[in-house]
Structures are given as structure tokens and as C-alpha cells.
Protein backbone atom coordinates (compact mmCIF):
# COMPACT_ATOMS: atom_id res chain seq x y z
CA MET A 1 7.17 9.73 -4.47
CA THR A 2 6.88 6.01 -3.78
CA LEU A 3 7.46 6.62 -0.10
CA LEU A 4 4.87 9.40 0.07
CA ILE A 5 2.24 7.43 -1.83
CA THR A 6 2.64 4.31 0.29
CA VAL A 7 2.71 6.30 3.54
CA PHE A 8 -0.53 8.05 2.56
CA ALA A 9 -2.09 4.68 1.67
CA ALA A 10 -0.91 3.26 5.01
CA ILE A 11 -2.32 6.19 6.97
CA ILE A 12 -5.66 6.08 5.16
CA SER A 13 -6.03 2.31 5.55
CA THR A 14 -5.04 2.49 9.22
CA VAL A 15 -7.57 5.26 9.94
CA LEU A 16 -10.28 3.29 8.15
CA TRP A 17 -9.29 0.13 10.03
CA TYR A 18 -9.40 1.94 13.37
CA ARG A 19 -12.56 3.97 12.76
CA ILE A 20 -14.99 1.88 10.75
CA ASP A 21 -13.73 -1.68 10.44
CA GLU A 22 -15.67 -3.65 13.04
CA ASP A 23 -14.83 -7.03 11.49
CA ARG A 24 -11.09 -6.19 11.34
CA LYS A 25 -10.78 -6.95 7.62
CA LEU A 26 -8.57 -3.95 6.87
CA GLY A 27 -5.80 -4.91 9.29
CA MET A 28 -3.86 -6.91 6.73
CA LEU A 29 -4.15 -4.11 4.16
CA SER A 30 -2.77 -1.50 6.53
CA LEU A 31 0.08 -3.83 7.56
CA MET A 32 0.99 -4.42 3.90
CA TYR A 33 1.12 -0.68 3.28
CA TRP A 34 3.17 -0.03 6.42
CA GLY A 35 5.59 -2.75 5.33
CA ALA A 36 5.89 -1.17 1.88
CA SER A 37 6.43 2.22 3.52
CA ALA A 38 9.23 0.82 5.65
CA MET A 39 10.81 -0.71 2.56
CA TRP A 40 10.68 2.59 0.66
CA LEU A 41 12.04 4.44 3.71
CA VAL A 42 15.10 2.19 3.75
CA ASP A 43 15.44 2.73 -0.01
CA ALA A 44 15.21 6.51 0.42
CA ILE A 45 17.88 6.49 3.14
CA ALA A 46 20.22 4.40 0.98
CA GLU A 47 19.62 6.66 -2.02
CA TYR A 48 20.22 9.77 0.09
CA MET A 49 23.51 8.33 1.34
CA GLU A 50 24.54 7.83 -2.27
CA LEU A 51 23.33 11.11 -3.81
CA LYS A 52 23.53 13.51 -0.84
CA ALA A 53 21.99 16.91 -1.78
CA GLU A 54 21.06 15.75 -5.29
CA TYR A 55 18.44 13.49 -3.71
CA PHE A 56 16.21 16.52 -3.11
CA THR A 57 16.27 17.72 -6.74
CA PRO A 58 15.07 14.77 -8.83
CA ALA A 59 14.35 15.07 -12.53
CA LEU A 60 10.72 15.19 -13.63
CA LYS A 61 11.11 11.86 -15.41
CA ASP A 62 12.35 10.21 -12.21
CA MET A 63 9.47 11.68 -10.23
CA LEU A 64 6.93 10.38 -12.74
CA ASN A 65 8.51 6.92 -12.70
CA ASP A 66 8.47 6.90 -8.89
CA ALA A 67 4.84 8.04 -8.81
CA TYR A 68 3.87 5.29 -11.26
CA LEU A 69 5.71 2.73 -9.14
CA GLY A 70 4.03 3.97 -5.95
CA ILE A 71 0.57 3.80 -7.50
CA SER A 72 1.37 0.32 -8.82
CA VAL A 73 2.43 -0.85 -5.35
CA VAL A 74 -0.79 0.49 -3.82
CA ALA A 75 -2.88 -1.15 -6.55
CA LEU A 76 -1.08 -4.47 -6.15
CA GLY A 77 -1.64 -4.33 -2.39
CA LEU A 78 -5.36 -3.77 -2.98
CA ILE A 79 -5.51 -6.67 -5.44
CA ILE A 80 -3.77 -9.04 -3.01
CA TRP A 81 -6.06 -7.90 -0.20
CA LEU A 82 -9.19 -8.37 -2.34
CA ILE A 83 -8.12 -11.86 -3.43
CA ARG A 84 -7.53 -12.82 0.19
CA LEU A 85 -10.87 -11.31 1.23
CA LEU A 86 -12.72 -13.18 -1.52
CA TYR A 87 -10.92 -16.42 -0.67
CA HIS A 88 -11.83 -16.29 3.01
CA ASP A 89 -15.37 -14.99 2.30
CA PRO A 90 -16.07 -13.82 5.88
CA LYS A 91 -19.81 -13.27 5.38
CA GLY A 92 -20.37 -16.33 3.17
CA LYS A 93 -21.83 -14.31 0.31
CA ILE A 94 -19.72 -15.93 -2.40
CA ARG A 95 -20.55 -19.41 -1.09
CA GLN A 96 -24.26 -18.55 -1.21
CA LEU A 97 -23.90 -17.23 -4.74
CA LEU A 98 -22.11 -20.36 -5.92
CA GLU A 99 -24.68 -22.68 -4.30
CA ARG A 100 -27.54 -21.15 -6.29
């Protein structure tokens, strides 16, 4: 589940970056999600090598834990991206707000 959730987040952020992001602010977000997807892919391969056929029949509890972890990773990526975006303030809106 973690792999699927992060791959979907990576695909969505990449499509948004390619289609509508003229200022190229979403590039870092999509790269973070692709990096997380690569990490979970390596984890899935290692787990498959350990469990073999049992890998494809996880318990419901394990699936829920993995889904929670995947959603947490996506949320943490968004938080890091937002903090970076606010720090760099590309349009100067926060600076204008603080100067008032």
C-alpha cells in the first residue's frame, strides 16, 4: 500500500508539474515522491524475497498499517514542500504581508 500511495502521489504531482506549473514550483515535490516510491519499491522487493508467495496475501491489519504509513509519507512530503515554498516566497507575498 505504501508503494501504491506514493506512486500515485508521484504521478499526480508530476502531471501537475508538467501541465500547469509554469513557475516550476512542483518539481521538488514530484522528485520527493519519486524518491519515496523508489525507496518503497526496494522495500517491496526485499520483502518479496523474504516472504515469497505470502507477500501477495497480507493481513488486513498489515494493509491498514501500510496505508496509514503511505498517507503519512505523502502528508510529510507536502508539509516539507510547503515549508520550503513559504521560506523561499517566490512571489514575495509573505514579505509584503510582514512589512505591513
